[in-house]
């Protein structure tokens, strides 16, 4: 397959400088868009949405820690071994993170957000408004119990 090259559209400014697994719920960050590529027109209408979907590059994940097989999530032997595509760990083949976070404010090219699980300096690759019609009916979604346990404190 041919390689894909992506240019960041901006960077995250966050009080968190380490990628720890839990307690992201109250983290307030700012996504600063690249002013050499974008103007405030790029975010026109975004304030009509309460949440945004952010795609970012987990650029500080060392290449030698990327996983392509199965493992116990968070190395917890009480949880089953599952493949990398059955979990959301940061050690992914393309080092992509995807988060839905609350949009608090738009100030020019600065987007103030809550609960974005990306650390200081993280390159942002794309931003989309969160649109509920793109999501499945919550009553139709199923997930294993271990994932519910793993996520218990993630956004606390």
Protein backbone atom coordinates (compact mmCIF):
# COMPACT_ATOMS: atom_id res chain seq x y z
CA UNK A 1 0.00 0.00 0.00
CA UNK A 2 1.10 3.54 -0.68
CA UNK A 3 2.07 5.77 2.24
CA UNK A 4 -0.27 8.57 3.26
CA UNK A 5 1.10 11.92 4.31
CA UNK A 6 -0.95 14.18 6.56
CA UNK A 7 -0.17 17.72 7.64
CA UNK A 8 -1.42 18.77 11.07
CA UNK A 9 -4.10 21.44 11.04
CA UNK A 10 -3.16 22.61 14.51
CA UNK A 11 -1.84 21.66 17.95
CA UNK A 12 -3.30 20.91 21.34
CA UNK A 13 -2.42 23.10 24.31
CA UNK A 14 -3.21 21.11 27.42
CA UNK A 15 -2.26 21.21 31.08
CA UNK A 16 -1.51 17.49 30.77
CA UNK A 17 2.00 16.75 29.54
CA UNK A 18 1.94 12.98 30.09
CA UNK A 19 -0.38 10.49 28.43
CA UNK A 20 -1.94 8.90 31.49
CA UNK A 21 -4.95 6.68 31.08
CA UNK A 22 -7.59 8.22 33.35
CA UNK A 23 -9.22 11.37 34.69
CA UNK A 24 -9.65 13.34 31.44
CA UNK A 25 -13.19 14.55 32.17
CA UNK A 26 -12.30 17.94 33.65
CA UNK A 27 -9.28 18.69 31.45
CA UNK A 28 -9.69 22.00 29.61
CA UNK A 29 -7.51 22.31 26.50
CA UNK A 30 -7.17 24.65 23.56
CA UNK A 31 -6.79 23.47 19.98
CA UNK A 32 -4.89 26.17 18.10
CA UNK A 33 -5.38 25.91 14.35
CA UNK A 34 -2.56 26.76 11.96
CA UNK A 35 -2.99 30.43 11.03
CA UNK A 36 -0.83 30.00 7.91
CA UNK A 37 -3.47 27.65 6.47
CA UNK A 38 -6.75 28.73 8.04
CA UNK A 39 -8.74 31.83 8.87
CA UNK A 40 -11.63 32.23 11.31
CA UNK A 41 -13.92 31.41 8.37
CA UNK A 42 -12.71 27.81 8.71
CA UNK A 43 -14.61 27.48 11.98
CA UNK A 44 -17.63 29.58 11.03
CA UNK A 45 -20.77 27.87 12.39
CA UNK A 46 -18.85 25.52 14.68
CA UNK A 47 -20.23 27.25 17.78
CA UNK A 48 -23.67 25.91 16.86
CA UNK A 49 -22.42 22.48 17.98
CA UNK A 50 -21.91 21.42 21.59
CA UNK A 51 -19.29 18.78 20.80
CA UNK A 52 -16.61 18.11 18.22
CA UNK A 53 -14.81 15.02 17.03
CA UNK A 54 -11.04 15.48 17.03
CA UNK A 55 -8.58 13.27 15.13
CA UNK A 56 -5.01 13.58 16.36
CA UNK A 57 -1.60 11.98 15.99
CA UNK A 58 -0.19 10.20 19.02
CA UNK A 59 3.23 11.49 18.07
CA UNK A 60 5.02 10.61 21.31
CA UNK A 61 4.26 6.90 21.13
CA UNK A 62 7.63 5.25 20.43
CA UNK A 63 7.71 3.21 17.22
CA UNK A 64 9.00 0.17 19.10
CA UNK A 65 5.93 0.17 21.39
CA UNK A 66 3.35 -0.01 18.58
CA UNK A 67 1.21 -3.14 18.85
CA UNK A 68 -0.27 -5.10 15.97
CA UNK A 69 -1.37 -8.23 17.79
CA UNK A 70 -3.39 -9.13 20.90
CA UNK A 71 -2.72 -8.18 24.50
CA UNK A 72 -4.49 -7.72 27.82
CA UNK A 73 -5.84 -4.13 27.91
CA UNK A 74 -3.65 -2.10 30.32
CA UNK A 75 -1.74 -5.35 30.93
CA UNK A 76 -4.52 -6.46 33.27
CA UNK A 77 -4.63 -10.29 33.25
CA UNK A 78 -8.22 -10.16 34.57
CA UNK A 79 -9.29 -8.80 31.19
CA UNK A 80 -9.13 -10.99 28.07
CA UNK A 81 -6.44 -10.80 25.44
CA UNK A 82 -7.91 -8.84 22.54
CA UNK A 83 -6.47 -7.58 19.28
CA UNK A 84 -5.32 -4.00 18.82
CA UNK A 85 -8.46 -3.25 16.78
CA UNK A 86 -10.69 -4.44 19.67
CA UNK A 87 -9.27 -1.83 22.05
CA UNK A 88 -8.44 1.86 22.07
CA UNK A 89 -4.88 1.87 23.38
CA UNK A 90 -2.51 4.57 22.17
CA UNK A 91 0.08 2.10 20.83
CA UNK A 92 -1.78 1.75 17.54
CA UNK A 93 -0.30 0.97 14.10
CA UNK A 94 -0.88 4.50 12.74
CA UNK A 95 -0.82 6.25 16.14
CA UNK A 96 -4.20 7.89 15.57
CA UNK A 97 -6.37 9.13 18.39
CA UNK A 98 -10.05 10.03 18.03
CA UNK A 99 -12.02 11.83 20.72
CA UNK A 100 -15.37 13.48 21.09
CA UNK A 101 -15.07 16.48 23.37
CA UNK A 102 -17.21 19.38 24.49
CA UNK A 103 -16.66 22.62 22.59
CA UNK A 104 -16.64 25.42 25.17
CA UNK A 105 -15.56 28.40 23.11
CA UNK A 106 -14.26 29.48 19.71
CA UNK A 107 -11.95 32.49 19.72
CA UNK A 108 -10.59 33.06 16.23
CA UNK A 109 -8.57 29.93 15.50
CA UNK A 110 -8.49 28.78 19.13
CA UNK A 111 -11.02 26.15 20.16
CA UNK A 112 -11.43 25.71 23.90
CA UNK A 113 -12.55 22.16 24.67
CA UNK A 114 -13.28 19.92 27.62
CA UNK A 115 -12.33 16.23 27.99
CA UNK A 116 -9.98 15.97 25.01
CA UNK A 117 -7.60 13.14 25.88
CA UNK A 118 -4.57 14.56 24.08
CA UNK A 119 -1.48 16.00 25.75
CA UNK A 120 0.36 19.29 25.27
CA UNK A 121 1.67 19.75 21.74
CA UNK A 122 -0.28 16.89 20.16
CA UNK A 123 -0.74 17.44 16.40
CA UNK A 124 -4.40 17.70 15.37
CA UNK A 125 -5.21 16.15 11.99
CA UNK A 126 -8.91 16.94 11.64
CA UNK A 127 -11.93 18.36 13.44
CA UNK A 128 -15.55 17.57 12.67
CA UNK A 129 -18.74 18.63 14.40
CA UNK A 130 -20.30 15.87 16.46
CA UNK A 131 -23.59 14.97 14.80
CA UNK A 132 -25.82 12.56 16.71
CA UNK A 133 -27.35 11.13 13.54
CA UNK A 134 -23.96 9.62 12.65
CA UNK A 135 -23.95 7.67 15.91
CA UNK A 136 -25.85 4.45 16.53
CA UNK A 137 -28.77 4.30 18.91
CA UNK A 138 -27.15 3.83 22.36
CA UNK A 139 -29.63 1.04 23.10
CA UNK A 140 -28.20 -0.86 20.11
CA UNK A 141 -24.55 -0.55 21.18
CA UNK A 142 -22.92 -3.45 22.98
CA UNK A 143 -19.49 -3.77 24.52
CA UNK A 144 -17.77 -6.25 26.82
CA UNK A 145 -17.83 -5.75 30.57
CA UNK A 146 -14.04 -5.36 30.74
CA UNK A 147 -14.31 -2.23 28.56
CA UNK A 148 -16.91 -0.75 30.88
CA UNK A 149 -14.55 -1.43 33.81
CA UNK A 150 -11.55 0.03 31.95
CA UNK A 151 -13.45 3.25 31.13
CA UNK A 152 -14.88 3.72 34.65
CA UNK A 153 -12.41 6.50 35.61
CA UNK A 154 -11.33 7.63 32.14
CA UNK A 155 -13.49 10.74 32.09
CA UNK A 156 -13.88 11.14 35.87
